[in-house]
Amino acid sequence: MSPDDRSNRLELVELYAPIVGGLARVEAEFRSLTENKKAGFPALYQMLCHVLVGGKVLRPVLTLLSAGCFNGETDRIVPLATASELLHIATLVHDDAIDKADTRRGKPTVSKLWGLEKAILLGDFLFARAGEFAAATGNLHVVRLFARTLQIISSGELRQSFAAFSPEQSYEHYLERIAGKTAALFVLATEGGAVLAGATDDGVKALHDYGYNLGLAFQIVDDILDFTGDEKEMGKPVGSDLRQGTITLPALLLMQRSPGDNPVDRLIRGEDREANIARTVSLVRGGDIIEQCYAVARGYRDRACGVLDSLPDSPARRSLMELADYVIRRDR
């Protein structure tokens, strides 16, 4: 583990301190879900072992911290915290299958190991189990929020698929896409946690807005790292989105600077894909586009933190503020 990795892990441990017990409960739910398949369905057990490990469990963290702002009882929050992460993992399994990706976080994808059909079916299984955990909250608001989130994510993926390699992709379309891809799941976690903790309408609205803006900031940083990150550390090729015909913020800014005469436009027209991807990555890295993108991400980070000012001070609220800063600084 590198010094940066150790520093990041120590920072996350400090951020998660107010909810360490709740996170342990979520991890126990994952173990139970996996172990229950060991004897009766060994193949599914192996698949679950593969996907239900690692990662930052960011969505359960957001759920538990959001509830913690209102002194929410952990027993009521754990099912939603578990549901939010299962839903996230299900979307990743489906995304990798659709994109025909070979690796995720440096490991072979489910579709690479078990094939496309089984990957889709595993994603469906995880969606269903996530819905079951959401229903276990016994809260109609949360169940509706879960269903709406799944609809938003699915619609967003359809929009992205139809827009692939389209010259009509715009900044407005980009924001709409990342709102559906990432922000919707963050909102499920933050708004749902506030609801289950018995927050007032104003408190629920504040956590909804926090989750939405943090989700946008998070995805913009993800899209920056797709250009600047180390391939080994990210576990996927640099420029992966471009290979799928998806134009993210760095590429959009490059297109705006040289309309009609840039490697992104040439890529969209089907000209020498690998050369134009390499040229796009080089141009984005070589100028001030990355800093412009970070400025946009910081703007959404600031909006996220701003809405928390209306809430009473607490360890959970402070962790949410610090987590927003971490989202901008992370390197993977």
C-alpha atoms as a PDB file:
ATOM      1  CA  MET A   1       0.000   0.000   0.000  1.00  0.00           C
ATOM      2  CA  SER A   2       1.411   3.390  -1.029  1.00  0.00           C
ATOM      3  CA  PRO A   3       1.716   6.340   1.406  1.00  0.00           C
ATOM      4  CA  ASP A   4      -1.178   8.051  -0.424  1.00  0.00           C
ATOM      5  CA  ASP A   5      -3.338   4.936  -0.028  1.00  0.00           C
ATOM      6  CA  ARG A   6      -2.572   4.810   3.707  1.00  0.00           C
ATOM      7  CA  SER A   7      -3.362   8.505   4.066  1.00  0.00           C
ATOM      8  CA  ASN A   8      -6.671   8.123   2.223  1.00  0.00           C
ATOM      9  CA  ARG A   9      -7.648   5.117   4.313  1.00  0.00           C
ATOM     10  CA  LEU A  10      -6.846   6.906   7.585  1.00  0.00           C
ATOM     11  CA  GLU A  11      -8.882   9.897   6.431  1.00  0.00           C
ATOM     12  CA  LEU A  12     -11.877   7.700   5.612  1.00  0.00           C
ATOM     13  CA  VAL A  13     -11.613   5.926   8.964  1.00  0.00           C
ATOM     14  CA  GLU A  14     -11.873   9.309  10.687  1.00  0.00           C
ATOM     15  CA  LEU A  15     -14.822  10.379   8.526  1.00  0.00           C
ATOM     16  CA  TYR A  16     -16.659   7.145   9.223  1.00  0.00           C
ATOM     17  CA  ALA A  17     -16.088   7.267  13.000  1.00  0.00           C
ATOM     18  CA  PRO A  18     -19.656   8.387  13.881  1.00  0.00           C
ATOM     19  CA  ILE A  19     -21.186   5.423  12.028  1.00  0.00           C
ATOM     20  CA  VAL A  20     -18.696   2.597  12.481  1.00  0.00           C
ATOM     21  CA  GLY A  21     -21.319   0.408  14.174  1.00  0.00           C
ATOM     22  CA  GLY A  22     -23.837   0.931  11.382  1.00  0.00           C
ATOM     23  CA  LEU A  23     -21.270   0.116   8.705  1.00  0.00           C
ATOM     24  CA  ALA A  24     -20.428  -3.117  10.519  1.00  0.00           C
ATOM     25  CA  ARG A  25     -24.130  -4.007  10.385  1.00  0.00           C
ATOM     26  CA  VAL A  26     -24.237  -3.371   6.629  1.00  0.00           C
ATOM     27  CA  GLU A  27     -21.172  -5.551   6.098  1.00  0.00           C
ATOM     28  CA  ALA A  28     -22.848  -8.264   8.178  1.00  0.00           C
ATOM     29  CA  GLU A  29     -25.886  -8.091   5.876  1.00  0.00           C
ATOM     30  CA  PHE A  30     -23.606  -8.586   2.872  1.00  0.00           C
ATOM     31  CA  ARG A  31     -21.947 -11.593   4.522  1.00  0.00           C
ATOM     32  CA  SER A  32     -25.317 -13.095   5.389  1.00  0.00           C
ATOM     33  CA  LEU A  33     -26.618 -12.592   1.861  1.00  0.00           C
ATOM     34  CA  THR A  34     -23.524 -14.318   0.481  1.00  0.00           C
ATOM     35  CA  GLU A  35     -23.236 -17.171   2.994  1.00  0.00           C
ATOM     36  CA  ASN A  36     -26.914 -18.071   2.592  1.00  0.00           C
ATOM     37  CA  LYS A  37     -26.148 -19.168  -0.974  1.00  0.00           C
ATOM     38  CA  LYS A  38     -23.020 -21.187  -0.162  1.00  0.00           C
ATOM     39  CA  ALA A  39     -24.685 -24.573   0.307  1.00  0.00           C
ATOM     40  CA  GLY A  40     -27.764 -24.326  -1.911  1.00  0.00           C
ATOM     41  CA  PHE A  41     -26.365 -22.341  -4.840  1.00  0.00           C
ATOM     42  CA  PRO A  42     -22.537 -22.465  -4.909  1.00  0.00           C
ATOM     43  CA  ALA A  43     -22.258 -20.728  -8.299  1.00  0.00           C
ATOM     44  CA  LEU A  44     -24.250 -17.724  -7.071  1.00  0.00           C
ATOM     45  CA  TYR A  45     -22.198 -17.773  -3.867  1.00  0.00           C
ATOM     46  CA  GLN A  46     -19.014 -17.411  -5.923  1.00  0.00           C
ATOM     47  CA  MET A  47     -20.479 -14.523  -7.912  1.00  0.00           C
ATOM     48  CA  LEU A  48     -21.623 -12.706  -4.771  1.00  0.00           C
ATOM     49  CA  CYS A  49     -18.202 -13.184  -3.174  1.00  0.00           C
ATOM     50  CA  HIS A  50     -16.733 -11.541  -6.245  1.00  0.00           C
ATOM     51  CA  VAL A  51     -18.905  -8.400  -6.211  1.00  0.00           C
ATOM     52  CA  LEU A  52     -19.752  -7.826  -2.546  1.00  0.00           C
ATOM     53  CA  VAL A  53     -16.212  -6.947  -1.457  1.00  0.00           C
ATOM     54  CA  GLY A  54     -14.015  -3.847  -1.694  1.00  0.00           C
ATOM     55  CA  GLY A  55     -15.035  -0.347  -2.682  1.00  0.00           C
ATOM     56  CA  LYS A  56     -15.675   2.667  -0.482  1.00  0.00           C
ATOM     57  CA  VAL A  57     -19.287   1.739   0.514  1.00  0.00           C
ATOM     58  CA  LEU A  58     -19.976   5.425   0.011  1.00  0.00           C
ATOM     59  CA  ARG A  59     -23.748   5.140  -0.302  1.00  0.00           C
ATOM     60  CA  PRO A  60     -24.232   3.332   3.028  1.00  0.00           C
ATOM     61  CA  VAL A  61     -21.947   5.952   4.583  1.00  0.00           C
ATOM     62  CA  LEU A  62     -24.135   8.733   3.204  1.00  0.00           C
ATOM     63  CA  THR A  63     -27.285   6.998   4.436  1.00  0.00           C
ATOM     64  CA  LEU A  64     -25.969   6.513   7.957  1.00  0.00           C
ATOM     65  CA  LEU A  65     -24.411   9.976   8.259  1.00  0.00           C
ATOM     66  CA  SER A  66     -27.559  11.661   6.929  1.00  0.00           C
ATOM     67  CA  ALA A  67     -29.647   9.847   9.519  1.00  0.00           C
ATOM     68  CA  GLY A  68     -27.023  10.694  12.145  1.00  0.00           C
ATOM     69  CA  CYS A  69     -27.648  14.400  11.570  1.00  0.00           C
ATOM     70  CA  PHE A  70     -31.048  13.801  13.178  1.00  0.00           C
ATOM     71  CA  ASN A  71     -29.976  11.148  15.708  1.00  0.00           C
ATOM     72  CA  GLY A  72     -31.635   8.413  13.679  1.00  0.00           C
ATOM     73  CA  GLU A  73     -31.852   4.944  15.201  1.00  0.00           C
ATOM     74  CA  THR A  74     -29.403   2.618  13.436  1.00  0.00           C
ATOM     75  CA  ASP A  75     -31.815  -0.354  13.318  1.00  0.00           C
ATOM     76  CA  ARG A  76     -34.155   1.616  11.056  1.00  0.00           C
ATOM     77  CA  ILE A  77     -31.369   2.863   8.784  1.00  0.00           C
ATOM     78  CA  VAL A  78     -29.337  -0.288   8.067  1.00  0.00           C
ATOM     79  CA  PRO A  79     -31.830  -1.812   5.563  1.00  0.00           C
ATOM     80  CA  LEU A  80     -31.737   1.323   3.394  1.00  0.00           C
ATOM     81  CA  ALA A  81     -27.952   1.619   3.732  1.00  0.00           C
ATOM     82  CA  THR A  82     -27.689  -1.976   2.499  1.00  0.00           C
ATOM     83  CA  ALA A  83     -30.218  -1.405  -0.284  1.00  0.00           C
ATOM     84  CA  SER A  84     -28.391   1.657  -1.592  1.00  0.00           C
ATOM     85  CA  GLU A  85     -25.098  -0.225  -1.981  1.00  0.00           C
ATOM     86  CA  LEU A  86     -26.720  -3.308  -3.532  1.00  0.00           C
ATOM     87  CA  LEU A  87     -28.472  -1.075  -6.036  1.00  0.00           C
ATOM     88  CA  HIS A  88     -25.167   0.601  -6.865  1.00  0.00           C
ATOM     89  CA  ILE A  89     -23.392  -2.736  -7.331  1.00  0.00           C
ATOM     90  CA  ALA A  90     -26.203  -4.010  -9.545  1.00  0.00           C
ATOM     91  CA  THR A  91     -25.819  -1.003 -11.828  1.00  0.00           C
ATOM     92  CA  LEU A  92     -22.058  -1.613 -12.063  1.00  0.00           C
ATOM     93  CA  VAL A  93     -22.582  -5.267 -13.015  1.00  0.00           C
ATOM     94  CA  HIS A  94     -25.019  -4.254 -15.749  1.00  0.00           C
ATOM     95  CA  ASP A  95     -22.816  -1.358 -16.927  1.00  0.00           C
ATOM     96  CA  ASP A  96     -19.813  -3.651 -17.309  1.00  0.00           C
ATOM     97  CA  ALA A  97     -21.888  -6.168 -19.242  1.00  0.00           C
ATOM     98  CA  ILE A  98     -23.295  -3.507 -21.568  1.00  0.00           C
ATOM     99  CA  ASP A  99     -19.865  -1.907 -22.087  1.00  0.00           C
ATOM    100  CA  LYS A 100     -18.188  -5.319 -22.534  1.00  0.00           C
ATOM    101  CA  ALA A 101     -15.646  -4.208 -19.932  1.00  0.00           C
ATOM    102  CA  ASP A 102     -12.976  -6.705 -18.908  1.00  0.00           C
ATOM    103  CA  THR A 103     -11.979  -5.155 -15.573  1.00  0.00           C
ATOM    104  CA  ARG A 104     -13.515  -3.187 -12.717  1.00  0.00           C
ATOM    105  CA  ARG A 105     -11.298  -1.821  -9.921  1.00  0.00           C
ATOM    106  CA  GLY A 106      -8.463  -3.956 -11.239  1.00  0.00           C
ATOM    107  CA  LYS A 107     -10.463  -7.216 -11.085  1.00  0.00           C
ATOM    108  CA  PRO A 108     -12.112  -9.172 -13.906  1.00  0.00           C
ATOM    109  CA  THR A 109     -15.748  -8.178 -14.342  1.00  0.00           C
ATOM    110  CA  VAL A 110     -18.622 -10.600 -13.795  1.00  0.00           C
ATOM    111  CA  SER A 111     -19.315 -10.646 -17.534  1.00  0.00           C
ATOM    112  CA  LYS A 112     -15.649 -11.458 -18.236  1.00  0.00           C
ATOM    113  CA  LEU A 113     -15.642 -14.381 -15.791  1.00  0.00           C
ATOM    114  CA  TRP A 114     -19.147 -15.784 -16.201  1.00  0.00           C
ATOM    115  CA  GLY A 115     -20.437 -14.334 -19.462  1.00  0.00           C
ATOM    116  CA  LEU A 116     -22.895 -11.650 -20.492  1.00  0.00           C
ATOM    117  CA  GLU A 117     -26.101 -13.545 -19.761  1.00  0.00           C
ATOM    118  CA  LYS A 118     -25.128 -14.524 -16.225  1.00  0.00           C
ATOM    119  CA  ALA A 119     -23.908 -10.980 -15.498  1.00  0.00           C
ATOM    120  CA  ILE A 120     -27.280  -9.526 -16.485  1.00  0.00           C
ATOM    121  CA  LEU A 121     -29.084 -12.092 -14.345  1.00  0.00           C
ATOM    122  CA  LEU A 122     -26.822 -11.402 -11.340  1.00  0.00           C
ATOM    123  CA  GLY A 123     -27.570  -7.690 -11.721  1.00  0.00           C
ATOM    124  CA  ASP A 124     -31.288  -8.505 -11.749  1.00  0.00           C
ATOM    125  CA  PHE A 125     -30.870 -10.580  -8.582  1.00  0.00           C
ATOM    126  CA  LEU A 126     -29.098  -7.703  -6.834  1.00  0.00           C
ATOM    127  CA  PHE A 127     -31.785  -5.224  -7.938  1.00  0.00           C
ATOM    128  CA  ALA A 128     -34.427  -7.506  -6.440  1.00  0.00           C
ATOM    129  CA  ARG A 129     -32.578  -7.960  -3.158  1.00  0.00           C
ATOM    130  CA  ALA A 130     -32.012  -4.221  -2.943  1.00  0.00           C
ATOM    131  CA  GLY A 131     -35.750  -3.688  -3.351  1.00  0.00           C
ATOM    132  CA  GLU A 132     -36.414  -6.200  -0.601  1.00  0.00           C
ATOM    133  CA  PHE A 133     -34.111  -4.323   1.781  1.00  0.00           C
ATOM    134  CA  ALA A 134     -35.786  -1.011   0.870  1.00  0.00           C
ATOM    135  CA  ALA A 135     -39.190  -2.528   1.598  1.00  0.00           C
ATOM    136  CA  ALA A 136     -37.887  -3.769   4.960  1.00  0.00           C
ATOM    137  CA  THR A 137     -37.710  -0.145   6.121  1.00  0.00           C
ATOM    138  CA  GLY A 138     -41.512  -0.197   6.237  1.00  0.00           C
ATOM    139  CA  ASN A 139     -41.530   3.421   5.047  1.00  0.00           C
ATOM    140  CA  LEU A 140     -43.643   4.250   1.988  1.00  0.00           C
ATOM    141  CA  HIS A 141     -41.649   7.408   1.220  1.00  0.00           C
ATOM    142  CA  VAL A 142     -38.463   5.370   1.060  1.00  0.00           C
ATOM    143  CA  VAL A 143     -40.021   2.612  -1.054  1.00  0.00           C
ATOM    144  CA  ARG A 144     -41.285   5.200  -3.542  1.00  0.00           C
ATOM    145  CA  LEU A 145     -37.900   6.919  -3.517  1.00  0.00           C
ATOM    146  CA  PHE A 146     -36.195   3.593  -4.253  1.00  0.00           C
ATOM    147  CA  ALA A 147     -38.540   2.867  -7.173  1.00  0.00           C
ATOM    148  CA  ARG A 148     -38.084   6.379  -8.562  1.00  0.00           C
ATOM    149  CA  THR A 149     -34.310   6.061  -8.260  1.00  0.00           C
ATOM    150  CA  LEU A 150     -34.290   2.816 -10.231  1.00  0.00           C
ATOM    151  CA  GLN A 151     -36.428   4.463 -12.906  1.00  0.00           C
ATOM    152  CA  ILE A 152     -34.113   7.490 -13.115  1.00  0.00           C
ATOM    153  CA  ILE A 153     -31.014   5.283 -13.385  1.00  0.00           C
ATOM    154  CA  SER A 154     -32.565   3.111 -16.103  1.00  0.00           C
ATOM    155  CA  SER A 155     -33.741   6.144 -18.078  1.00  0.00           C
ATOM    156  CA  GLY A 156     -30.298   7.691 -17.769  1.00  0.00           C
ATOM    157  CA  GLU A 157     -28.592   4.568 -19.086  1.00  0.00           C
ATOM    158  CA  LEU A 158     -31.013   4.443 -22.016  1.00  0.00           C
ATOM    159  CA  ARG A 159     -30.309   8.088 -22.829  1.00  0.00           C
ATOM    160  CA  GLN A 160     -26.573   7.446 -22.698  1.00  0.00           C
ATOM    161  CA  SER A 161     -26.907   4.431 -24.974  1.00  0.00           C
ATOM    162  CA  PHE A 162     -28.976   6.300 -27.573  1.00  0.00           C
ATOM    163  CA  ALA A 163     -26.587   9.282 -27.450  1.00  0.00           C
ATOM    164  CA  ALA A 164     -23.388   7.255 -27.922  1.00  0.00           C
ATOM    165  CA  PHE A 165     -21.160   8.748 -30.656  1.00  0.00           C
ATOM    166  CA  SER A 166     -23.756  11.470 -31.260  1.00  0.00           C
ATOM    167  CA  PRO A 167     -22.468  14.958 -32.148  1.00  0.00           C
ATOM    168  CA  GLU A 168     -25.487  16.423 -30.329  1.00  0.00           C
ATOM    169  CA  GLN A 169     -24.146  15.690 -26.827  1.00  0.00           C
ATOM    170  CA  SER A 170     -24.161  18.993 -24.917  1.00  0.00           C
ATOM    171  CA  TYR A 171     -23.319  20.292 -21.455  1.00  0.00           C
ATOM    172  CA  GLU A 172     -27.017  20.213 -20.539  1.00  0.00           C
ATOM    173  CA  HIS A 173     -27.255  16.592 -21.693  1.00  0.00           C
ATOM    174  CA  TYR A 174     -24.120  15.794 -19.724  1.00  0.00           C
ATOM    175  CA  LEU A 175     -25.553  17.187 -16.481  1.00  0.00           C
ATOM    176  CA  GLU A 176     -28.809  15.328 -17.073  1.00  0.00           C
ATOM    177  CA  ARG A 177     -26.905  12.111 -17.633  1.00  0.00           C
ATOM    178  CA  ILE A 178     -24.719  12.320 -14.523  1.00  0.00           C
ATOM    179  CA  ALA A 179     -27.723  13.348 -12.444  1.00  0.00           C
ATOM    180  CA  GLY A 180     -29.299  10.044 -13.412  1.00  0.00           C
ATOM    181  CA  LYS A 181     -26.105   8.026 -13.253  1.00  0.00           C
ATOM    182  CA  THR A 182     -24.737   9.084  -9.857  1.00  0.00           C
ATOM    183  CA  ALA A 183     -26.683  11.873  -8.156  1.00  0.00           C
ATOM    184  CA  ALA A 184     -29.919   9.856  -8.035  1.00  0.00           C
ATOM    185  CA  LEU A 185     -28.252   7.128  -5.965  1.00  0.00           C
ATOM    186  CA  PHE A 186     -26.725   9.700  -3.637  1.00  0.00           C
ATOM    187  CA  VAL A 187     -30.156  11.265  -3.155  1.00  0.00           C
ATOM    188  CA  LEU A 188     -31.641   7.860  -2.323  1.00  0.00           C
ATOM    189  CA  ALA A 189     -29.033   7.518   0.414  1.00  0.00           C
ATOM    190  CA  THR A 190     -29.187  11.032   1.866  1.00  0.00           C
ATOM    191  CA  GLU A 191     -32.886  11.831   1.544  1.00  0.00           C
ATOM    192  CA  GLY A 192     -33.862   8.307   2.588  1.00  0.00           C
ATOM    193  CA  GLY A 193     -31.617   8.458   5.646  1.00  0.00           C
ATOM    194  CA  ALA A 194     -33.145  11.773   6.699  1.00  0.00           C
ATOM    195  CA  VAL A 195     -36.686  10.460   6.236  1.00  0.00           C
ATOM    196  CA  LEU A 196     -36.036   7.333   8.309  1.00  0.00           C
ATOM    197  CA  ALA A 197     -34.471   9.466  11.044  1.00  0.00           C
ATOM    198  CA  GLY A 198     -37.672  11.521  11.340  1.00  0.00           C
ATOM    199  CA  ALA A 199     -36.247  14.772   9.950  1.00  0.00           C
ATOM    200  CA  THR A 200     -38.518  17.733   9.279  1.00  0.00           C
ATOM    201  CA  ASP A 201     -39.465  18.581   5.690  1.00  0.00           C
ATOM    202  CA  ASP A 202     -36.737  21.228   5.669  1.00  0.00           C
ATOM    203  CA  GLY A 203     -34.199  18.703   6.923  1.00  0.00           C
ATOM    204  CA  VAL A 204     -35.223  16.165   4.273  1.00  0.00           C
ATOM    205  CA  LYS A 205     -34.938  18.859   1.577  1.00  0.00           C
ATOM    206  CA  ALA A 206     -31.477  19.862   2.824  1.00  0.00           C
ATOM    207  CA  LEU A 207     -30.192  16.272   2.653  1.00  0.00           C
ATOM    208  CA  HIS A 208     -31.816  15.762  -0.755  1.00  0.00           C
ATOM    209  CA  ASP A 209     -29.979  18.823  -2.088  1.00  0.00           C
ATOM    210  CA  TYR A 210     -26.736  17.761  -0.422  1.00  0.00           C
ATOM    211  CA  GLY A 211     -26.898  14.319  -2.042  1.00  0.00           C
ATOM    212  CA  TYR A 212     -27.776  15.718  -5.465  1.00  0.00           C
ATOM    213  CA  ASN A 213     -24.955  18.262  -5.566  1.00  0.00           C
ATOM    214  CA  LEU A 214     -22.417  15.882  -4.040  1.00  0.00           C
ATOM    215  CA  GLY A 215     -23.384  13.278  -6.648  1.00  0.00           C
ATOM    216  CA  LEU A 216     -22.696  15.726  -9.473  1.00  0.00           C
ATOM    217  CA  ALA A 217     -19.338  16.683  -7.950  1.00  0.00           C
ATOM    218  CA  PHE A 218     -18.415  13.022  -7.470  1.00  0.00           C
ATOM    219  CA  GLN A 219     -19.196  12.078 -11.068  1.00  0.00           C
ATOM    220  CA  ILE A 220     -17.358  15.075 -12.516  1.00  0.00           C
ATOM    221  CA  VAL A 221     -14.256  14.002 -10.571  1.00  0.00           C
ATOM    222  CA  ASP A 222     -14.760  10.448 -11.855  1.00  0.00           C
ATOM    223  CA  ASP A 223     -14.845  11.827 -15.385  1.00  0.00           C
ATOM    224  CA  ILE A 224     -11.675  13.841 -14.760  1.00  0.00           C
ATOM    225  CA  LEU A 225      -9.914  10.716 -13.471  1.00  0.00           C
ATOM    226  CA  ASP A 226     -10.925   8.895 -16.654  1.00  0.00           C
ATOM    227  CA  PHE A 227      -8.424  11.232 -18.358  1.00  0.00           C
ATOM    228  CA  THR A 228      -5.808  11.738 -15.654  1.00  0.00           C
ATOM    229  CA  GLY A 229      -5.825   8.591 -13.544  1.00  0.00           C
ATOM    230  CA  ASP A 230      -3.324   5.775 -13.543  1.00  0.00           C
ATOM    231  CA  GLU A 231      -4.681   2.800 -15.478  1.00  0.00           C
ATOM    232  CA  LYS A 232      -3.404   0.243 -12.948  1.00  0.00           C
ATOM    233  CA  GLU A 233      -4.836   2.101  -9.958  1.00  0.00           C
ATOM    234  CA  MET A 234      -8.210   2.712 -11.623  1.00  0.00           C
ATOM    235  CA  GLY A 235      -8.440  -0.821 -12.940  1.00  0.00           C
ATOM    236  CA  LYS A 236      -9.659   0.319 -16.376  1.00  0.00           C
ATOM    237  CA  PRO A 237      -8.143   1.946 -19.476  1.00  0.00           C
ATOM    238  CA  VAL A 238      -7.710   5.719 -19.602  1.00  0.00           C
ATOM    239  CA  GLY A 239     -10.340   7.260 -21.886  1.00  0.00           C
ATOM    240  CA  SER A 240     -12.872   4.477 -21.283  1.00  0.00           C
ATOM    241  CA  ASP A 241     -15.842   6.808 -21.745  1.00  0.00           C
ATOM    242  CA  LEU A 242     -14.572   7.993 -25.122  1.00  0.00           C
ATOM    243  CA  ARG A 243     -14.292   4.383 -26.263  1.00  0.00           C
ATOM    244  CA  GLN A 244     -18.009   4.005 -25.530  1.00  0.00           C
ATOM    245  CA  GLY A 245     -18.838   7.196 -27.399  1.00  0.00           C
ATOM    246  CA  THR A 246     -19.746   9.017 -24.188  1.00  0.00           C
ATOM    247  CA  ILE A 247     -18.640  12.656 -24.116  1.00  0.00           C
ATOM    248  CA  THR A 248     -17.886  13.846 -20.582  1.00  0.00           C
ATOM    249  CA  LEU A 249     -17.011  17.315 -19.286  1.00  0.00           C
ATOM    250  CA  PRO A 250     -13.283  17.341 -20.205  1.00  0.00           C
ATOM    251  CA  ALA A 251     -14.048  16.331 -23.790  1.00  0.00           C
ATOM    252  CA  LEU A 252     -16.951  18.797 -23.991  1.00  0.00           C
ATOM    253  CA  LEU A 253     -14.677  21.663 -22.983  1.00  0.00           C
ATOM    254  CA  LEU A 254     -12.122  20.599 -25.580  1.00  0.00           C
ATOM    255  CA  MET A 255     -14.837  20.558 -28.252  1.00  0.00           C
ATOM    256  CA  GLN A 256     -15.975  24.048 -27.253  1.00  0.00           C
ATOM    257  CA  ARG A 257     -12.435  25.424 -27.710  1.00  0.00           C
ATOM    258  CA  SER A 258     -12.005  24.061 -31.238  1.00  0.00           C
ATOM    259  CA  PRO A 259     -15.512  23.550 -32.637  1.00  0.00           C
ATOM    260  CA  GLY A 260     -15.589  21.169 -35.596  1.00  0.00           C
ATOM    261  CA  ASP A 261     -11.821  20.664 -35.662  1.00  0.00           C
ATOM    262  CA  ASN A 262     -10.755  18.522 -32.725  1.00  0.00           C
ATOM    263  CA  PRO A 263     -10.053  14.832 -32.094  1.00  0.00           C
ATOM    264  CA  VAL A 264     -13.382  14.330 -30.296  1.00  0.00           C
ATOM    265  CA  ASP A 265     -15.343  15.385 -33.374  1.00  0.00           C
ATOM    266  CA  ARG A 266     -13.145  13.179 -35.527  1.00  0.00           C
ATOM    267  CA  LEU A 267     -13.736  10.266 -33.161  1.00  0.00           C
ATOM    268  CA  ILE A 268     -17.494  10.798 -33.377  1.00  0.00           C
ATOM    269  CA  ARG A 269     -17.226  10.784 -37.186  1.00  0.00           C
ATOM    270  CA  GLY A 270     -15.557   7.371 -36.971  1.00  0.00           C
ATOM    271  CA  GLU A 271     -12.042   8.413 -37.891  1.00  0.00           C
ATOM    272  CA  ASP A 272      -9.059   6.481 -36.462  1.00  0.00           C
ATOM    273  CA  ARG A 273     -10.527   5.799 -33.034  1.00  0.00           C
ATOM    274  CA  GLU A 274      -7.393   4.951 -31.035  1.00  0.00           C
ATOM    275  CA  ALA A 275      -5.362   7.854 -32.426  1.00  0.00           C
ATOM    276  CA  ASN A 276      -8.114  10.360 -31.699  1.00  0.00           C
ATOM    277  CA  ILE A 277      -8.668   9.015 -28.192  1.00  0.00           C
ATOM    278  CA  ALA A 278      -4.944   9.336 -27.482  1.00  0.00           C
ATOM    279  CA  ARG A 279      -4.891  12.853 -28.926  1.00  0.00           C
ATOM    280  CA  THR A 280      -7.930  13.885 -26.862  1.00  0.00           C
ATOM    281  CA  VAL A 281      -6.361  12.577 -23.645  1.00  0.00           C
ATOM    282  CA  SER A 282      -3.105  14.367 -24.445  1.00  0.00           C
ATOM    283  CA  LEU A 283      -4.796  17.700 -25.154  1.00  0.00           C
ATOM    284  CA  VAL A 284      -6.984  17.504 -22.047  1.00  0.00           C
ATOM    285  CA  ARG A 285      -4.016  16.688 -19.837  1.00  0.00           C
ATOM    286  CA  GLY A 286      -1.766  19.329 -21.415  1.00  0.00           C
ATOM    287  CA  GLY A 287      -3.851  22.467 -20.855  1.00  0.00           C
ATOM    288  CA  ASP A 288      -6.071  24.001 -18.212  1.00  0.00           C
ATOM    289  CA  ILE A 289      -9.184  21.934 -18.982  1.00  0.00           C
ATOM    290  CA  ILE A 290      -8.650  19.682 -15.973  1.00  0.00           C
ATOM    291  CA  GLU A 291      -8.522  22.667 -13.629  1.00  0.00           C
ATOM    292  CA  GLN A 292     -11.698  24.044 -15.229  1.00  0.00           C
ATOM    293  CA  CYS A 293     -13.426  20.738 -14.577  1.00  0.00           C
ATOM    294  CA  TYR A 294     -12.267  20.715 -10.964  1.00  0.00           C
ATOM    295  CA  ALA A 295     -13.631  24.254 -10.591  1.00  0.00           C
ATOM    296  CA  VAL A 296     -17.040  23.018 -11.736  1.00  0.00           C
ATOM    297  CA  ALA A 297     -16.845  20.074  -9.316  1.00  0.00           C
ATOM    298  CA  ARG A 298     -15.867  22.383  -6.449  1.00  0.00           C
ATOM    299  CA  GLY A 299     -18.871  24.558  -7.247  1.00  0.00           C
ATOM    300  CA  TYR A 300     -21.209  21.610  -6.724  1.00  0.00           C
ATOM    301  CA  ARG A 301     -19.230  20.612  -3.612  1.00  0.00           C
ATOM    302  CA  ASP A 302     -19.787  24.108  -2.224  1.00  0.00           C
ATOM    303  CA  ARG A 303     -23.512  23.919  -2.935  1.00  0.00           C
ATOM    304  CA  ALA A 304     -23.670  20.567  -1.155  1.00  0.00           C
ATOM    305  CA  CYS A 305     -21.904  21.933   1.924  1.00  0.00           C
ATOM    306  CA  GLY A 306     -23.923  25.151   1.857  1.00  0.00           C
ATOM    307  CA  VAL A 307     -27.242  23.382   2.446  1.00  0.00           C
ATOM    308  CA  LEU A 308     -25.792  21.671   5.529  1.00  0.00           C
ATOM    309  CA  ASP A 309     -25.416  25.074   7.201  1.00  0.00           C
ATOM    310  CA  SER A 310     -29.113  24.948   8.060  1.00  0.00           C
ATOM    311  CA  LEU A 311     -28.591  21.834  10.220  1.00  0.00           C
ATOM    312  CA  PRO A 312     -27.419  21.760  13.852  1.00  0.00           C
ATOM    313  CA  ASP A 313     -23.755  20.991  14.387  1.00  0.00           C
ATOM    314  CA  SER A 314     -23.026  17.303  15.052  1.00  0.00           C
ATOM    315  CA  PRO A 315     -20.292  14.738  14.350  1.00  0.00           C
ATOM    316  CA  ALA A 316     -22.369  13.344  11.469  1.00  0.00           C
ATOM    317  CA  ARG A 317     -22.825  16.779   9.884  1.00  0.00           C
ATOM    318  CA  ARG A 318     -19.098  17.505  10.182  1.00  0.00           C
ATOM    319  CA  SER A 319     -18.304  14.174   8.526  1.00  0.00           C
ATOM    320  CA  LEU A 320     -20.626  15.016   5.646  1.00  0.00           C
ATOM    321  CA  MET A 321     -18.814  18.321   5.184  1.00  0.00           C
ATOM    322  CA  GLU A 322     -15.422  16.614   5.250  1.00  0.00           C
ATOM    323  CA  LEU A 323     -16.640  13.863   2.955  1.00  0.00           C
ATOM    324  CA  ALA A 324     -17.548  16.477   0.350  1.00  0.00           C
ATOM    325  CA  ASP A 325     -13.961  17.748   0.452  1.00  0.00           C
ATOM    326  CA  TYR A 326     -12.621  14.202   0.174  1.00  0.00           C
ATOM    327  CA  VAL A 327     -14.730  13.591  -2.946  1.00  0.00           C
ATOM    328  CA  ILE A 328     -12.871  16.412  -4.704  1.00  0.00           C
ATOM    329  CA  ARG A 329      -9.401  15.340  -3.523  1.00  0.00           C
ATOM    330  CA  ARG A 330      -9.638  11.608  -4.218  1.00  0.00           C
ATOM    331  CA  ASP A 331      -7.460  10.047  -6.888  1.00  0.00           C
ATOM    332  CA  ARG A 332      -9.581   7.043  -7.850  1.00  0.00           C
END
